[in-house]
Protein backbone atom coordinates (compact mmCIF):
# COMPACT_ATOMS: atom_id res chain seq x y z
CA MET A 1 -78.61 -11.26 -50.30
CA ALA A 2 -79.47 -12.33 -53.83
CA SER A 3 -77.00 -11.75 -56.63
CA PHE A 4 -76.15 -12.45 -60.25
CA ASP A 5 -73.36 -11.64 -62.69
CA ILE A 6 -73.57 -9.76 -65.98
CA VAL A 7 -71.02 -11.10 -68.49
CA SER A 8 -70.39 -10.96 -72.22
CA LYS A 9 -68.88 -14.03 -73.81
CA VAL A 10 -69.26 -16.08 -76.95
CA ASP A 11 -69.02 -19.86 -76.92
CA PRO A 12 -65.98 -20.68 -79.11
CA GLN A 13 -67.48 -23.94 -80.38
CA THR A 14 -70.70 -22.26 -81.48
CA MET A 15 -68.70 -19.53 -83.20
CA ASP A 16 -66.58 -22.17 -84.93
CA ASN A 17 -69.76 -23.93 -86.11
CA ALA A 18 -71.12 -20.65 -87.53
CA VAL A 19 -67.86 -20.00 -89.41
CA ASN A 20 -67.77 -23.57 -90.77
CA THR A 21 -71.37 -23.43 -92.04
CA ALA A 22 -70.66 -20.00 -93.60
CA ARG A 23 -67.60 -21.48 -95.34
CA LYS A 24 -69.71 -24.35 -96.73
CA GLU A 25 -72.35 -21.96 -98.05
CA ILE A 26 -69.73 -19.77 -99.71
CA MET A 27 -68.21 -22.82 -101.45
CA ASN A 28 -71.63 -23.78 -102.82
CA ARG A 29 -72.84 -20.33 -103.93
CA TYR A 30 -72.79 -19.57 -107.64
CA ASP A 31 -71.53 -15.99 -107.22
CA PHE A 32 -68.49 -17.32 -105.30
CA ARG A 33 -67.59 -19.92 -107.95
CA ASP A 34 -63.83 -20.18 -108.61
CA THR A 35 -63.06 -18.02 -105.58
CA LYS A 36 -59.68 -18.43 -103.95
CA GLY A 37 -60.91 -16.83 -100.73
CA SER A 38 -61.18 -18.22 -97.23
CA ILE A 39 -62.88 -17.62 -93.90
CA GLU A 40 -61.25 -18.89 -90.70
CA TYR A 41 -61.86 -18.62 -86.96
CA ASP A 42 -58.82 -18.28 -84.69
CA LYS A 43 -59.89 -19.46 -81.22
CA LYS A 44 -56.73 -18.25 -79.48
CA ALA A 45 -56.86 -14.70 -80.85
CA ASN A 46 -60.71 -14.79 -80.84
CA GLU A 47 -60.85 -13.37 -84.38
CA VAL A 48 -62.47 -14.26 -87.68
CA HIS A 49 -60.15 -13.84 -90.68
CA ILE A 50 -61.68 -13.26 -94.12
CA ALA A 51 -59.59 -13.23 -97.31
CA MET A 52 -61.30 -12.68 -100.70
CA GLU A 53 -60.45 -11.24 -104.13
CA ASN A 54 -62.39 -7.97 -103.74
CA ASP A 55 -64.29 -5.81 -101.25
CA MET A 56 -67.68 -6.91 -102.54
CA ARG A 57 -66.97 -10.57 -101.77
CA VAL A 58 -65.63 -9.64 -98.32
CA GLN A 59 -68.91 -7.80 -97.63
CA HIS A 60 -71.01 -10.75 -98.86
CA THR A 61 -68.95 -13.11 -96.70
CA GLU A 62 -69.65 -10.93 -93.66
CA ASP A 63 -73.37 -11.04 -94.44
CA VAL A 64 -73.31 -14.85 -94.75
CA LEU A 65 -71.41 -15.12 -91.45
CA LEU A 66 -73.94 -12.88 -89.66
CA GLY A 67 -76.81 -14.98 -91.00
CA LYS A 68 -75.18 -18.20 -89.81
CA MET A 69 -74.49 -16.68 -86.37
CA VAL A 70 -78.16 -15.74 -85.98
CA LYS A 71 -79.21 -19.26 -87.00
CA GLN A 72 -76.85 -20.64 -84.30
CA GLY A 73 -78.63 -18.44 -81.72
CA MET A 74 -75.76 -15.98 -81.31
CA ASP A 75 -76.03 -12.21 -81.07
CA ALA A 76 -74.68 -10.39 -84.14
CA THR A 77 -73.35 -7.54 -81.97
CA ALA A 78 -70.64 -9.93 -80.73
CA LEU A 79 -68.55 -9.06 -83.79
CA ASP A 80 -66.49 -5.87 -84.01
CA PHE A 81 -66.42 -4.66 -87.64
CA SER A 82 -64.48 -1.46 -86.83
CA LYS A 83 -61.27 -2.53 -88.61
CA GLU A 84 -61.18 -1.79 -92.32
CA ALA A 85 -60.34 -4.35 -94.98
CA TYR A 86 -56.78 -4.15 -96.28
CA GLN A 87 -55.07 -5.22 -99.49
CA SER A 88 -52.55 -8.05 -99.22
CA GLY A 89 -51.19 -8.98 -102.61
CA ALA A 90 -54.05 -10.10 -104.84
CA MET A 91 -56.38 -10.63 -101.85
CA VAL A 92 -58.43 -8.28 -99.69
CA LYS A 93 -58.26 -9.32 -96.04
CA LYS A 94 -60.33 -8.37 -93.03
CA ASP A 95 -59.88 -9.34 -89.40
CA ILE A 96 -63.07 -9.27 -87.32
CA LYS A 97 -62.63 -9.28 -83.55
CA VAL A 98 -65.11 -11.32 -81.50
CA LYS A 99 -66.06 -9.32 -78.41
CA ALA A 100 -65.45 -11.14 -75.13
CA GLY A 101 -65.69 -9.57 -71.71
CA ILE A 102 -67.16 -6.21 -70.79
CA ASP A 103 -64.73 -3.34 -71.39
CA LYS A 104 -64.48 -0.40 -68.96
CA GLU A 105 -66.48 2.01 -71.08
CA THR A 106 -69.38 -0.40 -71.50
CA SER A 107 -69.31 -1.35 -67.82
CA LYS A 108 -69.64 2.35 -66.94
CA LYS A 109 -72.73 2.56 -69.21
CA ILE A 110 -74.22 -0.49 -67.49
CA MET A 111 -73.51 0.92 -64.03
CA LYS A 112 -75.16 4.22 -65.03
CA LEU A 113 -78.24 2.38 -66.35
CA ILE A 114 -78.53 0.44 -63.09
CA LYS A 115 -78.25 3.62 -60.98
CA ASP A 116 -80.71 5.52 -63.17
CA SER A 117 -83.27 2.72 -62.79
CA LYS A 118 -83.64 3.67 -59.06
CA LEU A 119 -83.87 0.00 -58.03
CA LYS A 120 -82.62 -1.04 -54.60
CA VAL A 121 -79.61 -2.97 -55.84
CA SER A 122 -75.87 -2.45 -55.77
CA ALA A 123 -73.50 -3.23 -58.62
CA ALA A 124 -69.75 -3.78 -58.60
CA ILE A 125 -67.32 -4.12 -61.51
CA MET A 126 -65.20 -7.26 -61.20
CA ASP A 127 -62.62 -7.49 -64.04
CA GLU A 128 -64.70 -8.21 -67.15
CA GLN A 129 -68.03 -8.82 -65.41
CA ILE A 130 -70.46 -6.94 -63.18
CA ARG A 131 -71.96 -8.39 -60.01
CA VAL A 132 -75.39 -7.09 -59.03
CA THR A 133 -76.68 -7.73 -55.49
CA GLY A 134 -80.00 -6.91 -53.87
CA LYS A 135 -82.36 -8.06 -51.14
CA LYS A 136 -85.13 -9.26 -53.45
CA ILE A 137 -84.89 -11.45 -56.53
CA ASP A 138 -87.65 -9.33 -58.08
CA ASP A 139 -85.31 -6.31 -58.04
CA LEU A 140 -82.62 -8.38 -59.78
CA GLN A 141 -85.11 -9.49 -62.44
CA ASP A 142 -86.06 -5.83 -62.94
CA VAL A 143 -82.36 -5.03 -63.53
CA ILE A 144 -82.23 -7.76 -66.19
CA ALA A 145 -85.34 -6.27 -67.82
CA VAL A 146 -83.70 -2.82 -67.83
CA MET A 147 -80.55 -4.26 -69.46
CA ARG A 148 -82.57 -6.05 -72.14
CA GLY A 149 -84.59 -2.90 -72.80
CA ASN A 150 -81.41 -0.86 -73.35
CA SER A 151 -79.48 -3.45 -75.38
CA GLU A 152 -79.14 -1.03 -78.32
CA GLU A 153 -77.42 1.54 -76.11
CA ILE A 154 -75.07 -1.05 -74.58
CA GLY A 155 -74.03 -2.40 -77.99
CA MET A 156 -72.85 -5.86 -76.97
CA PRO A 157 -74.52 -9.16 -76.09
CA LEU A 158 -74.96 -9.74 -72.36
CA GLN A 159 -75.57 -12.93 -70.43
CA TYR A 160 -76.90 -13.14 -66.88
CA ILE A 161 -75.35 -15.98 -64.92
CA ASN A 162 -74.90 -17.25 -61.33
CA MET A 163 -78.34 -16.16 -60.05
CA LYS A 164 -78.27 -16.89 -56.31
CA SER A 165 -80.84 -16.16 -53.66
């Protein structure tokens, strides 16, 4: 039986590089001159912390970070912008969660997509990943094509690892 795993994870070093290059660009931009703000990546909490003087600069910092992530080859859907920015003294702060692992709701969507594809494969949820098994590797590659075709519906970056035949 052939199998592979569907996972969602972000390389912490690549994310750190994207944050560092975004920080350098913000320091050099004219519209951010004399800014007391900061952008940091917390590897343990897997969050990006932005602190700026106003909401507009927080938004521009997010845009710069997304651009740097794309240049590093990362998927922009790996960031969760659902939390609102909050005032803390003279600064506006925002904590952006980096998505890691497939949550239960998303794994149910993936399982439904696999079943609706009518391919002769079986899928099982294992913690924060999904293992797909089938008799033919061609069926497994078709599952990967279905997942890539429905990436908008899934809403998070997926990687396909441990392909075994």
